[in-house]
Amino acid sequence: MADFFEILDAINGVVWADAVLYLVLGVGVLFTLWSGFSQYRALTHGVAVVRGVYDDDHDPGAISHFQALSAALSATVGLGNIGGVAVAIALGGPGAVFWMWMIGLAGMALKLTEVGQAMLFRNTDDPDNPHGGPMWVAKKGMEDLGYGAAGKLVGGLFCLTLMVSTITGGNMFQAWNVGIVTRNATGGAVPTVVTGMLLAMIVGAVILGGIQRIGAVAGRLVPFMCALYLLAAGYVLVTHITAVPAALGLIVSHAFSAVDAQGAFVGGTAGYAFLWGMKRALFSSEAGQGSAPIAHAAAKTNEPVREAVVAGLEPFIDTLVVCTITSLVILLTGAWNRAPEANFGEAPPVFTQTVDGWSLGVTSLPERTAEAARVARGDFDVGGQVFVVVRHGAMQEDTGTDVHRVMGRIEQGGQDLQVVWEPVDSASAPVLVDGGVHVEYPGAALTSHAFDRALPGLGTWLVLIASWLFAISTMISWSYYGEQGIVYLFGKGLVLPYRGVYCLCIVVATLPFIETDAQLDALTSLGTGVMLWANIPIMLMFGPRMMKAYHDYMRRLDAGEFERAS
């Protein structure tokens, strides 16, 4: 599998070049200014629309404004908020959160624009089951310009990128995280593949009912799961309230400066923080990807801009609220730069040269420290845990330090746990930094650990429950996104086989082939990145038409031309 992830890394190096990130942020700023700071309209008029003030059951569409927002949020407020934020901080440091904020604000304008375009060009041949999204924007918009064949091709290319993102970020990322969290919470009693099979059955039962059932389930599930998660996070914030200003200061200061290696954190430059903050915010909020317009296109309305303004709320809720709270939990509890959970003592192992490189070989696993045992409520288990030591080596451009991670895995259980350490390439004999052993907490597992540090047991069960709810909500919405791509490319005849393959991928994702944050990111970044490459040009092409419609709608709104529902 190492070769597979090396190929993904090479592709992502092109897809996520710095120029692409600057372009996406620039497009968000462009539509922010062009719309006259539409973020304000989303937070005011958008809230009124969601409340049903302008609802009309006679308008074309399948679901209400609230259900459309819930369906889209169920895809965005998910494990990206629990696991994605953790990945950003673990690899980019606290400064990554600042750049998540920036893309969240710009994302409000991006989301409004892309959803507005989808509403302008949606297919309402069947008023009770409309179809929309960037593929229809390209197809119908370019037909209007006399380039129908080119429009169909561009729409088809977008659908191909949609399928990649559906399978990776919308499906496998979710299933993998739930599998890991469930396995850790049960001490290895529930294998990840069992979790995958249960998830597949639940998701399959929902998506067979189509967008109406998805909208109904999301409308009930999203408010409940957000309230549950925010209530627990609120406890952590209240108990650490005096440290909140310092944590916020850390986020801002490290957005523009390097962070030295500390504990489990191996360091990060300001540029690295920017990269990870942008990537994870785009993955979490889906701003600019073109996925949310597919859900919003099913909303009941005869005013395209009205639903667009509702969509502007999504990045605010997802990134500015939920992601920020998750990041504060991780920072306030010290989970991001945690101390070792065990120490080798006065005689740590040394690296010896082998045919495969420098290696620590096989060592006994020391006993957990008293504090680590308190947080974890016990000693180490053998439920698939991965261990890490940190060593000195060559200077790394991304982290700005000479600190590297060395991975180790349990070989056998018993009274004396044995860890097999991976060999490393180095020009000279590496040296351990502190002789400590860390437990690897990839993705959502780090967030779970952060809650446990605040109150032992809280994270284990909170994140376990939240992960299941968030993952199910995200996967049912993304299944619909992918389904609409299938309908555009091949018609309705392949919808049922597609649903079967989608559920099968849930199980495949829980097979043991992803082990670290970096591998997880490589898989999900591919899906997010290719959609941006396809959707941003479409947004720019039809942006003038959307902005004209937006300003006309706001003129009529300010003039009091719209009737409010009684």
Protein backbone atom coordinates (compact mmCIF):
# COMPACT_ATOMS: atom_id res chain seq x y z
CA MET A 1 0.00 0.00 0.00
CA ALA A 2 2.98 2.32 0.44
CA ASP A 3 3.33 2.72 -3.33
CA PHE A 4 -0.40 3.53 -3.61
CA PHE A 5 -0.15 6.39 -1.09
CA GLU A 6 3.06 7.65 -2.71
CA ILE A 7 1.14 7.97 -6.00
CA LEU A 8 -1.69 9.82 -4.22
CA ASP A 9 0.83 12.18 -2.62
CA ALA A 10 2.33 12.96 -6.03
CA ILE A 11 -1.10 13.70 -7.52
CA ASN A 12 -2.10 15.82 -4.53
CA GLY A 13 1.12 17.78 -4.90
CA VAL A 14 -0.21 19.04 -8.23
CA VAL A 15 -3.90 19.29 -7.29
CA TRP A 16 -3.12 21.21 -4.09
CA ALA A 17 -0.35 23.46 -5.38
CA ASP A 18 -0.12 26.76 -3.49
CA ALA A 19 -1.48 28.59 -6.53
CA VAL A 20 -4.71 26.59 -6.30
CA LEU A 21 -5.23 27.59 -2.67
CA TYR A 22 -4.61 31.24 -3.44
CA LEU A 23 -7.01 31.02 -6.37
CA VAL A 24 -9.83 29.54 -4.27
CA LEU A 25 -9.35 32.13 -1.55
CA GLY A 26 -9.18 34.85 -4.19
CA VAL A 27 -12.43 33.70 -5.81
CA GLY A 28 -14.09 33.78 -2.40
CA VAL A 29 -12.88 37.35 -1.83
CA LEU A 30 -14.01 38.28 -5.35
CA PHE A 31 -17.60 37.15 -4.76
CA THR A 32 -17.57 38.68 -1.27
CA LEU A 33 -16.84 42.10 -2.74
CA TRP A 34 -19.02 41.58 -5.84
CA SER A 35 -22.02 40.69 -3.69
CA GLY A 36 -21.46 43.54 -1.27
CA PHE A 37 -20.54 41.22 1.61
CA SER A 38 -23.30 38.66 1.20
CA GLN A 39 -22.23 37.10 4.49
CA TYR A 40 -24.43 39.69 6.22
CA ARG A 41 -27.43 38.74 4.09
CA ALA A 42 -26.92 35.06 4.88
CA LEU A 43 -26.90 35.71 8.62
CA THR A 44 -30.03 37.87 8.48
CA HIS A 45 -32.28 37.11 5.51
CA GLY A 46 -31.01 33.53 5.28
CA VAL A 47 -32.13 32.80 8.83
CA ALA A 48 -35.62 34.17 8.06
CA VAL A 49 -35.91 31.95 4.98
CA VAL A 50 -34.87 28.85 6.96
CA ARG A 51 -37.53 29.68 9.54
CA GLY A 52 -40.13 29.32 6.77
CA VAL A 53 -41.05 33.00 6.51
CA TYR A 54 -41.13 32.79 2.71
CA ASP A 55 -42.18 29.15 2.22
CA ASP A 56 -44.78 28.32 -0.44
CA ASP A 57 -45.83 24.69 -0.88
CA HIS A 58 -46.84 25.40 -4.48
CA ASP A 59 -43.29 26.24 -5.54
CA PRO A 60 -41.38 23.60 -7.54
CA GLY A 61 -39.12 21.34 -5.49
CA ALA A 62 -39.11 18.30 -3.23
CA ILE A 63 -38.03 19.58 0.20
CA SER A 64 -38.29 22.74 2.32
CA HIS A 65 -35.56 25.35 2.75
CA PHE A 66 -34.84 23.96 6.22
CA GLN A 67 -34.61 20.39 4.94
CA ALA A 68 -32.35 21.47 2.08
CA LEU A 69 -30.05 23.26 4.53
CA SER A 70 -30.12 20.23 6.85
CA ALA A 71 -29.33 17.83 4.00
CA ALA A 72 -26.39 19.99 2.89
CA LEU A 73 -25.22 20.48 6.49
CA SER A 74 -25.46 16.75 7.13
CA ALA A 75 -22.79 16.38 4.46
CA THR A 76 -20.59 19.19 5.80
CA VAL A 77 -21.10 19.00 9.56
CA GLY A 78 -19.59 15.58 9.97
CA LEU A 79 -16.32 13.89 10.68
CA GLY A 80 -14.55 16.71 8.89
CA ASN A 81 -15.41 18.75 11.98
CA ILE A 82 -14.22 16.07 14.38
CA GLY A 83 -11.45 14.32 12.45
CA GLY A 84 -10.53 16.91 9.82
CA VAL A 85 -9.83 19.66 12.34
CA ALA A 86 -7.70 17.22 14.31
CA VAL A 87 -5.68 16.38 11.20
CA ALA A 88 -5.14 20.09 10.45
CA ILE A 89 -3.83 20.85 13.95
CA ALA A 90 -1.82 17.64 14.27
CA LEU A 91 0.05 18.39 11.04
CA GLY A 92 -0.15 22.18 10.66
CA GLY A 93 -0.30 23.39 14.24
CA PRO A 94 -2.64 25.95 15.87
CA GLY A 95 -2.15 28.44 13.03
CA ALA A 96 -4.08 26.13 10.71
CA VAL A 97 -7.27 27.12 12.54
CA PHE A 98 -6.83 30.78 11.54
CA TRP A 99 -6.76 29.84 7.90
CA MET A 100 -9.81 27.66 8.43
CA TRP A 101 -11.58 30.82 9.60
CA MET A 102 -10.51 32.73 6.51
CA ILE A 103 -11.78 30.07 4.13
CA GLY A 104 -14.94 29.83 6.23
CA LEU A 105 -15.72 33.53 5.71
CA ALA A 106 -14.78 33.46 2.04
CA GLY A 107 -16.62 30.16 1.75
CA MET A 108 -19.91 31.82 2.66
CA ALA A 109 -19.70 33.84 -0.56
CA LEU A 110 -18.46 30.83 -2.53
CA LYS A 111 -21.34 28.67 -1.32
CA LEU A 112 -23.92 31.38 -2.03
CA THR A 113 -22.62 31.81 -5.56
CA GLU A 114 -22.40 28.15 -6.53
CA VAL A 115 -25.82 27.33 -5.09
CA GLY A 116 -27.36 30.37 -6.79
CA GLN A 117 -25.99 29.22 -10.12
CA ALA A 118 -27.37 25.72 -9.58
CA MET A 119 -30.82 27.17 -8.80
CA LEU A 120 -30.75 29.35 -11.92
CA PHE A 121 -30.00 26.37 -14.16
CA ARG A 122 -31.66 23.48 -12.34
CA ASN A 123 -33.73 20.96 -14.26
CA THR A 124 -37.38 21.13 -13.14
CA ASP A 125 -38.92 18.94 -15.85
CA ASP A 126 -40.21 16.92 -12.89
CA PRO A 127 -41.16 19.69 -10.41
CA ASP A 128 -41.34 17.23 -7.51
CA ASN A 129 -37.87 15.82 -8.20
CA PRO A 130 -35.63 18.56 -9.62
CA HIS A 131 -31.99 18.01 -10.58
CA GLY A 132 -29.24 20.57 -10.16
CA GLY A 133 -25.57 21.15 -9.58
CA PRO A 134 -22.52 22.39 -11.51
CA MET A 135 -23.05 19.73 -14.18
CA TRP A 136 -26.42 21.26 -15.05
CA VAL A 137 -24.97 24.76 -14.81
CA ALA A 138 -22.35 23.84 -17.38
CA LYS A 139 -24.79 21.97 -19.62
CA LYS A 140 -27.68 24.46 -19.70
CA GLY A 141 -25.53 27.57 -19.29
CA MET A 142 -23.26 26.73 -22.20
CA GLU A 143 -26.28 25.71 -24.28
CA ASP A 144 -27.56 29.25 -23.82
CA LEU A 145 -24.22 30.48 -25.17
CA GLY A 146 -24.39 28.17 -28.17
CA TYR A 147 -21.85 25.63 -26.92
CA GLY A 148 -24.16 22.76 -26.00
CA ALA A 149 -21.73 19.91 -26.79
CA ALA A 150 -18.95 21.54 -24.79
CA GLY A 151 -21.37 22.08 -21.91
CA LYS A 152 -22.28 18.40 -21.79
CA LEU A 153 -18.58 17.49 -21.76
CA VAL A 154 -17.74 19.93 -18.96
CA GLY A 155 -20.73 18.68 -16.97
CA GLY A 156 -19.57 15.11 -17.47
CA LEU A 157 -16.04 15.94 -16.29
CA PHE A 158 -17.47 17.53 -13.16
CA CYS A 159 -19.48 14.38 -12.48
CA LEU A 160 -16.34 12.28 -12.70
CA THR A 161 -14.66 14.45 -10.05
CA LEU A 162 -17.87 14.26 -8.03
CA MET A 163 -17.69 10.47 -8.01
CA VAL A 164 -14.06 10.55 -6.82
CA SER A 165 -14.98 12.84 -3.92
CA THR A 166 -18.12 10.87 -3.13
CA ILE A 167 -16.21 7.63 -2.68
CA THR A 168 -13.22 9.14 -0.82
CA GLY A 169 -14.27 12.07 1.39
CA GLY A 170 -18.02 11.50 1.46
CA ASN A 171 -17.79 7.78 2.11
CA MET A 172 -14.44 6.19 2.98
CA PHE A 173 -13.16 9.01 5.21
CA GLN A 174 -16.32 8.77 7.29
CA ALA A 175 -16.38 4.98 7.57
CA TRP A 176 -12.68 4.71 8.38
CA ASN A 177 -12.89 7.24 11.20
CA VAL A 178 -15.93 5.57 12.76
CA GLY A 179 -14.22 2.21 12.53
CA ILE A 180 -11.11 3.50 14.35
CA VAL A 181 -13.08 5.35 17.03
CA THR A 182 -15.35 2.34 17.66
CA ARG A 183 -12.41 -0.05 17.85
CA ASN A 184 -10.58 2.21 20.31
CA ALA A 185 -13.68 2.79 22.45
CA THR A 186 -14.28 -0.94 22.79
CA GLY A 187 -10.67 -1.86 23.37
CA GLY A 188 -10.51 -3.73 20.08
CA ALA A 189 -13.61 -5.84 20.81
CA VAL A 190 -15.37 -4.46 17.71
CA PRO A 191 -13.17 -4.82 14.60
CA THR A 192 -13.33 -1.97 12.13
CA VAL A 193 -14.83 -4.17 9.41
CA VAL A 194 -17.80 -4.99 11.67
CA THR A 195 -18.42 -1.26 12.04
CA GLY A 196 -18.25 -0.95 8.26
CA MET A 197 -20.90 -3.60 7.74
CA LEU A 198 -23.25 -2.00 10.27
CA LEU A 199 -22.79 1.43 8.69
CA ALA A 200 -23.45 0.00 5.24
CA MET A 201 -26.75 -1.51 6.36
CA ILE A 202 -27.93 1.70 8.05
CA VAL A 203 -26.94 3.97 5.18
CA GLY A 204 -28.44 1.58 2.64
CA ALA A 205 -31.79 1.58 4.45
CA VAL A 206 -31.95 5.39 4.29
CA ILE A 207 -30.72 6.07 0.75
CA LEU A 208 -33.19 3.63 -0.78
CA GLY A 209 -35.89 6.20 0.06
CA GLY A 210 -34.34 8.93 -2.12
CA ILE A 211 -34.01 12.66 -1.39
CA GLN A 212 -37.33 12.88 0.50
CA ARG A 213 -36.19 10.32 3.07
CA ILE A 214 -32.68 11.78 3.17
CA GLY A 215 -34.11 15.26 3.79
CA ALA A 216 -36.46 13.98 6.50
CA VAL A 217 -33.72 12.05 8.31
CA ALA A 218 -31.24 14.93 8.03
CA GLY A 219 -33.83 17.42 9.31
CA ARG A 220 -34.11 15.41 12.54
CA LEU A 221 -30.54 14.16 12.87
CA VAL A 222 -28.52 17.32 12.23
CA PRO A 223 -30.00 19.54 15.00
CA PHE A 224 -29.76 16.68 17.53
CA MET A 225 -26.19 15.70 16.78
CA CYS A 226 -24.98 19.32 16.72
CA ALA A 227 -26.64 20.05 20.07
CA LEU A 228 -25.12 16.92 21.64
CA TYR A 229 -21.62 17.70 20.42
CA LEU A 230 -21.73 21.40 21.27
CA LEU A 231 -23.05 20.67 24.77
CA ALA A 232 -20.08 18.44 25.56
CA ALA A 233 -17.62 20.87 23.98
CA GLY A 234 -19.20 23.65 26.02
CA TYR A 235 -18.28 21.74 29.17
CA VAL A 236 -14.62 21.66 28.12
CA LEU A 237 -14.61 25.36 27.27
CA VAL A 238 -16.23 26.32 30.57
CA THR A 239 -13.80 24.24 32.62
CA HIS A 240 -10.86 25.81 30.73
CA ILE A 241 -12.39 29.26 30.30
CA THR A 242 -9.38 31.15 31.64
CA ALA A 243 -7.15 29.58 28.98
CA VAL A 244 -9.43 30.43 26.03
CA PRO A 245 -7.88 33.88 25.29
CA ALA A 246 -4.40 32.34 25.21
CA ALA A 247 -5.60 29.57 22.87
CA LEU A 248 -7.14 32.13 20.51
CA GLY A 249 -3.90 34.12 20.64
CA LEU A 250 -1.96 30.96 19.79
CA ILE A 251 -4.16 30.43 16.72
CA VAL A 252 -3.55 33.95 15.42
CA SER A 253 0.17 34.17 16.22
CA HIS A 254 1.05 30.79 14.75
CA ALA A 255 -0.83 31.56 11.53
CA PHE A 256 2.15 33.76 10.62
CA SER A 257 5.07 32.08 12.38
CA ALA A 258 6.62 28.64 12.70
CA VAL A 259 5.84 26.34 15.63
CA ASP A 260 8.71 24.37 17.12
CA ALA A 261 8.39 20.67 17.88
CA GLN A 262 6.58 20.08 21.17
CA GLY A 263 5.74 16.64 22.53
CA ALA A 264 3.81 14.69 19.91
CA PHE A 265 3.79 17.70 17.54
CA VAL A 266 6.82 17.66 15.24
CA GLY A 267 6.63 21.31 14.22
CA GLY A 268 5.14 23.36 11.41
CA THR A 269 5.94 26.47 9.38
CA ALA A 270 3.44 29.27 8.74
CA GLY A 271 3.10 28.06 5.16
CA TYR A 272 2.36 24.55 6.35
CA ALA A 273 -0.33 25.89 8.69
CA PHE A 274 -1.87 27.77 5.76
CA LEU A 275 -1.86 24.62 3.63
CA TRP A 276 -3.52 22.42 6.22
CA GLY A 277 -6.00 25.04 7.37
CA MET A 278 -7.16 25.67 3.81
CA LYS A 279 -7.33 22.00 2.87
CA ARG A 280 -9.29 20.87 5.89
CA ALA A 281 -11.65 23.88 5.85
CA LEU A 282 -12.44 23.25 2.19
CA PHE A 283 -12.99 19.58 2.92
CA SER A 284 -15.18 20.31 5.93
CA SER A 285 -17.31 23.14 4.49
CA GLU A 286 -17.20 21.91 0.86
CA ALA A 287 -17.13 25.56 -0.25
CA GLY A 288 -16.29 25.77 -3.94
CA GLN A 289 -16.57 22.03 -4.47
CA GLY A 290 -20.00 22.12 -6.09
CA SER A 291 -21.49 19.38 -3.93
CA ALA A 292 -23.96 21.34 -1.77
CA PRO A 293 -25.75 22.85 -4.80
CA ILE A 294 -26.97 19.34 -5.63
CA ALA A 295 -28.89 19.15 -2.35
CA HIS A 296 -30.12 22.74 -2.45
CA ALA A 297 -31.43 22.28 -5.98
CA ALA A 298 -34.19 20.10 -4.51
CA ALA A 299 -35.58 22.97 -2.40
CA LYS A 300 -39.11 24.27 -2.91
CA THR A 301 -38.76 27.81 -4.28
CA ASN A 302 -39.33 29.90 -7.37
CA GLU A 303 -36.64 32.39 -6.34
CA PRO A 304 -33.16 30.97 -7.08
CA VAL A 305 -31.31 33.56 -5.00
CA ARG A 306 -33.43 32.84 -1.94
CA GLU A 307 -32.01 29.34 -1.59
CA ALA A 308 -28.53 30.66 -2.39
CA VAL A 309 -28.68 32.98 0.62
CA VAL A 310 -29.69 30.03 2.80
CA ALA A 311 -26.62 28.13 1.56
CA GLY A 312 -24.38 30.96 2.74
CA LEU A 313 -25.11 29.88 6.30
CA GLU A 314 -23.39 26.53 5.87
CA PRO A 315 -19.71 27.56 6.11
CA PHE A 316 -20.56 29.80 9.06
CA ILE A 317 -22.17 26.95 11.01
CA ASP A 318 -19.66 24.35 9.88
CA THR A 319 -16.36 26.20 10.03
CA LEU A 320 -16.80 29.33 12.13
CA VAL A 321 -18.79 27.53 14.85
CA VAL A 322 -18.33 23.75 14.95
CA CYS A 323 -14.73 23.56 13.67
CA THR A 324 -13.64 26.38 15.97
CA ILE A 325 -15.11 24.65 19.01
CA THR A 326 -13.38 21.38 18.10
CA SER A 327 -10.07 23.17 17.65
CA LEU A 328 -10.38 24.87 21.04
CA VAL A 329 -11.04 21.52 22.72
CA ILE A 330 -7.86 20.08 21.15
CA LEU A 331 -5.76 23.13 22.04
CA LEU A 332 -7.11 23.78 25.55
CA THR A 333 -6.56 20.19 26.67
CA GLY A 334 -3.05 20.01 25.21
CA ALA A 335 -3.91 17.00 23.08
CA TRP A 336 -2.10 18.42 20.05
CA ASN A 337 1.32 18.64 21.73
CA ARG A 338 0.77 15.97 24.39
CA ALA A 339 3.62 14.52 26.42
CA PRO A 340 4.68 10.88 26.00
CA GLU A 341 2.35 8.28 27.47
CA ALA A 342 5.25 6.05 28.47
CA ASN A 343 8.99 6.48 28.90
CA PHE A 344 11.86 4.11 28.23
CA GLY A 345 13.70 5.48 31.27
CA GLU A 346 17.43 5.88 31.66
CA ALA A 347 18.34 3.29 29.02
CA PRO A 348 16.31 4.05 25.90
CA PRO A 349 16.84 1.85 22.84
CA VAL A 350 19.27 2.99 20.16
CA PHE A 351 19.06 2.77 16.39
CA THR A 352 21.13 0.12 14.67
CA GLN A 353 21.75 -0.16 10.96
CA THR A 354 19.99 -2.98 9.09
CA VAL A 355 19.51 -3.87 5.44
CA ASP A 356 16.23 -1.93 5.53
CA GLY A 357 17.65 1.17 7.22
CA TRP A 358 18.17 2.37 10.78
CA SER A 359 15.88 0.55 13.20
CA LEU A 360 14.99 0.33 16.89
CA GLY A 361 14.08 -3.29 16.23
CA VAL A 362 11.65 -4.85 18.70
CA THR A 363 11.31 -3.31 22.16
CA SER A 364 9.20 -3.91 25.22
CA LEU A 365 6.46 -1.33 25.72
CA PRO A 366 6.97 0.56 29.00
CA GLU A 367 4.13 1.01 31.46
CA ARG A 368 1.81 3.94 30.88
CA THR A 369 2.50 7.03 32.99
CA ALA A 370 0.09 7.74 35.82
CA GLU A 371 -1.47 10.71 34.00
CA ALA A 372 -1.84 8.78 30.74
CA ALA A 373 -3.43 5.87 32.61
CA ARG A 374 -5.88 8.28 34.27
CA VAL A 375 -6.95 9.76 30.93
CA ALA A 376 -7.20 6.38 29.20
CA ARG A 377 -8.66 4.69 32.28
CA GLY A 378 -6.17 1.86 32.14
CA ASP A 379 -3.01 0.50 30.61
CA PHE A 380 -2.27 -0.02 26.93
CA ASP A 381 -4.41 -2.46 25.00
CA VAL A 382 -3.71 -4.46 21.88
CA GLY A 383 -6.70 -3.21 19.90
CA GLY A 384 -4.73 -2.03 16.91
CA GLN A 385 -2.92 0.82 18.65
CA VAL A 386 -0.06 2.48 16.77
CA PHE A 387 2.84 3.97 18.73
CA VAL A 388 5.25 6.79 17.88
CA VAL A 389 8.68 7.91 19.02
CA VAL A 390 10.30 11.08 17.74
CA ARG A 391 13.87 11.32 16.52
CA HIS A 392 16.29 13.89 15.18
CA GLY A 393 17.21 13.75 11.50
CA ALA A 394 17.47 15.91 8.42
CA MET A 395 15.81 19.34 8.50
CA GLN A 396 12.27 19.21 7.06
CA GLU A 397 11.06 22.08 4.90
CA ASP A 398 7.40 21.70 5.88
CA THR A 399 7.84 21.44 9.64
CA GLY A 400 10.83 23.75 9.98
CA THR A 401 12.50 21.31 12.40
CA ASP A 402 14.76 18.25 12.30
CA VAL A 403 12.24 16.13 14.24
CA HIS A 404 10.75 13.04 12.59
CA ARG A 405 8.21 10.44 13.68
CA VAL A 406 8.94 6.70 13.85
CA MET A 407 5.96 4.36 13.85
CA GLY A 408 5.66 1.14 15.85
CA ARG A 409 3.04 -1.61 16.14
CA ILE A 410 2.31 -4.23 18.77
CA GLU A 411 3.56 -7.66 17.83
CA GLN A 412 1.95 -9.63 20.65
CA GLY A 413 0.00 -9.19 23.88
CA GLY A 414 0.66 -10.53 27.33
CA GLN A 415 2.45 -9.16 30.37
CA ASP A 416 5.31 -7.80 28.27
CA LEU A 417 3.96 -6.04 25.18
CA GLN A 418 6.39 -6.02 22.26
CA VAL A 419 6.52 -3.21 19.69
CA VAL A 420 8.01 -3.60 16.23
CA TRP A 421 9.46 -0.28 15.04
CA GLU A 422 9.61 0.66 11.36
CA PRO A 423 13.08 1.22 9.87
CA VAL A 424 13.98 4.76 8.74
CA ASP A 425 16.28 6.20 6.11
CA SER A 426 19.02 8.44 7.49
CA ALA A 427 22.56 9.40 6.50
CA SER A 428 23.72 8.82 10.06
CA ALA A 429 22.44 7.10 13.19
CA PRO A 430 19.21 8.83 14.34
CA VAL A 431 18.82 9.85 17.98
CA LEU A 432 15.59 9.79 19.99
CA VAL A 433 14.39 13.24 21.09
CA ASP A 434 13.09 12.43 24.56
CA GLY A 435 12.92 8.64 24.95
CA GLY A 436 9.16 8.82 25.25
CA VAL A 437 6.48 6.73 23.57
CA HIS A 438 3.37 8.40 22.20
CA VAL A 439 0.14 6.78 21.11
CA GLU A 440 -0.90 7.73 17.59
CA TYR A 441 -4.38 9.28 17.54
CA PRO A 442 -5.26 9.77 13.88
CA GLY A 443 -8.24 11.88 12.82
CA ALA A 444 -11.26 11.72 15.11
CA ALA A 445 -9.32 9.65 17.65
CA LEU A 446 -7.30 12.78 18.57
CA THR A 447 -10.50 14.73 19.26
CA SER A 448 -11.76 11.84 21.37
CA HIS A 449 -8.49 11.85 23.31
CA ALA A 450 -8.81 15.63 23.85
CA PHE A 451 -12.25 15.23 25.45
CA ASP A 452 -10.91 12.39 27.60
CA ARG A 453 -8.14 14.65 28.87
CA ALA A 454 -10.82 17.05 30.11
CA LEU A 455 -12.99 14.32 31.63
CA PRO A 456 -11.85 10.68 31.34
CA GLY A 457 -14.44 8.69 29.44
CA LEU A 458 -16.19 11.74 27.96
CA GLY A 459 -14.36 11.63 24.66
CA THR A 460 -14.52 7.88 24.33
CA TRP A 461 -18.31 7.80 24.37
CA LEU A 462 -19.14 11.28 23.09
CA VAL A 463 -16.99 11.00 19.99
CA LEU A 464 -18.12 7.42 19.50
CA ILE A 465 -21.79 8.50 19.43
CA ALA A 466 -21.11 11.72 17.53
CA SER A 467 -18.93 9.93 14.98
CA TRP A 468 -21.70 7.47 14.19
CA LEU A 469 -24.31 10.22 13.87
CA PHE A 470 -22.06 12.57 11.89
CA ALA A 471 -20.82 9.83 9.59
CA ILE A 472 -24.27 8.48 8.83
CA SER A 473 -25.63 11.95 8.09
CA THR A 474 -22.67 12.76 5.83
CA MET A 475 -22.75 9.47 3.95
CA ILE A 476 -26.49 9.61 3.21
CA SER A 477 -26.16 13.11 1.75
CA TRP A 478 -23.05 12.27 -0.26
CA SER A 479 -24.74 9.17 -1.61
CA TYR A 480 -27.35 11.49 -3.11
CA TYR A 481 -24.66 13.73 -4.59
CA GLY A 482 -23.02 10.78 -6.29
CA GLU A 483 -26.41 9.49 -7.40
CA GLN A 484 -27.14 12.75 -9.19
CA GLY A 485 -23.82 12.40 -11.00
CA ILE A 486 -24.84 8.92 -12.11
CA VAL A 487 -28.22 10.22 -13.32
CA TYR A 488 -26.50 12.95 -15.35
CA LEU A 489 -23.96 10.56 -16.91
CA PHE A 490 -26.01 7.40 -17.43
CA GLY A 491 -29.65 8.04 -16.55
CA LYS A 492 -31.73 6.53 -13.74
CA GLY A 493 -31.13 2.91 -14.76
CA LEU A 494 -27.85 2.64 -12.87
CA VAL A 495 -29.01 4.27 -9.65
CA LEU A 496 -29.71 1.00 -7.82
CA PRO A 497 -26.35 -0.64 -8.74
CA TYR A 498 -24.64 2.61 -7.73
CA ARG A 499 -26.25 2.47 -4.29
CA GLY A 500 -24.98 -1.08 -3.85
CA VAL A 501 -21.42 -0.12 -4.80
CA TYR A 502 -21.59 2.90 -2.51
CA CYS A 503 -22.51 0.72 0.47
CA LEU A 504 -19.79 -1.80 -0.44
CA CYS A 505 -17.18 0.99 -0.35
CA ILE A 506 -18.17 1.69 3.25
CA VAL A 507 -17.07 -1.82 4.17
CA VAL A 508 -13.90 -1.62 2.07
CA ALA A 509 -12.85 1.58 3.87
CA THR A 510 -12.83 -0.22 7.21
CA LEU A 511 -10.38 -2.86 6.06
CA PRO A 512 -6.92 -2.29 7.60
CA PHE A 513 -5.09 -0.35 4.91
CA ILE A 514 -5.19 3.24 6.27
CA GLU A 515 -3.16 3.77 9.45
CA THR A 516 -2.03 7.40 9.79
CA ASP A 517 -3.22 11.00 9.46
CA ALA A 518 -1.06 11.49 6.39
CA GLN A 519 -2.54 8.48 4.59
CA LEU A 520 -6.07 9.56 5.51
CA ASP A 521 -5.40 13.05 4.21
CA ALA A 522 -3.95 11.75 0.94
CA LEU A 523 -7.19 9.88 0.20
CA THR A 524 -9.62 12.66 1.08
CA SER A 525 -7.58 15.51 -0.39
CA LEU A 526 -7.73 13.91 -3.81
CA GLY A 527 -11.52 14.02 -3.89
CA THR A 528 -11.77 17.59 -2.63
CA GLY A 529 -9.03 18.87 -4.91
CA VAL A 530 -10.28 17.49 -8.21
CA MET A 531 -13.77 18.92 -7.58
CA LEU A 532 -12.31 22.37 -7.01
CA TRP A 533 -10.47 22.16 -10.32
CA ALA A 534 -13.73 21.34 -12.07
CA ASN A 535 -16.12 23.69 -10.25
CA ILE A 536 -14.18 26.95 -9.84
CA PRO A 537 -13.98 27.58 -13.63
CA ILE A 538 -17.74 26.98 -13.88
CA MET A 539 -18.34 29.47 -11.07
CA LEU A 540 -16.21 32.11 -12.74
CA MET A 541 -17.84 31.55 -16.12
CA PHE A 542 -21.39 32.11 -14.86
CA GLY A 543 -20.60 34.38 -11.93
CA PRO A 544 -21.80 37.55 -13.70
CA ARG A 545 -25.24 36.06 -14.30
CA MET A 546 -25.53 34.96 -10.68
CA MET A 547 -24.42 38.33 -9.31
CA LYS A 548 -26.94 40.13 -11.54
CA ALA A 549 -29.72 37.90 -10.19
CA TYR A 550 -28.46 38.36 -6.63
CA HIS A 551 -28.51 42.15 -6.73
CA ASP A 552 -31.92 42.18 -8.44
CA TYR A 553 -33.34 39.92 -5.69
CA MET A 554 -31.90 42.11 -2.93
CA ARG A 555 -33.35 45.22 -4.58
CA ARG A 556 -36.80 43.62 -4.58
CA LEU A 557 -36.33 42.37 -1.00
CA ASP A 558 -35.39 45.83 0.24
CA ALA A 559 -38.38 47.28 -1.63
CA GLY A 560 -40.72 44.92 0.24
CA GLU A 561 -41.94 43.12 -2.89
CA PHE A 562 -41.98 39.63 -1.34
CA GLU A 563 -44.95 38.33 0.59
CA ARG A 564 -44.21 36.72 3.91
CA ALA A 565 -45.94 33.46 4.81
CA SER A 566 -48.75 33.86 7.30
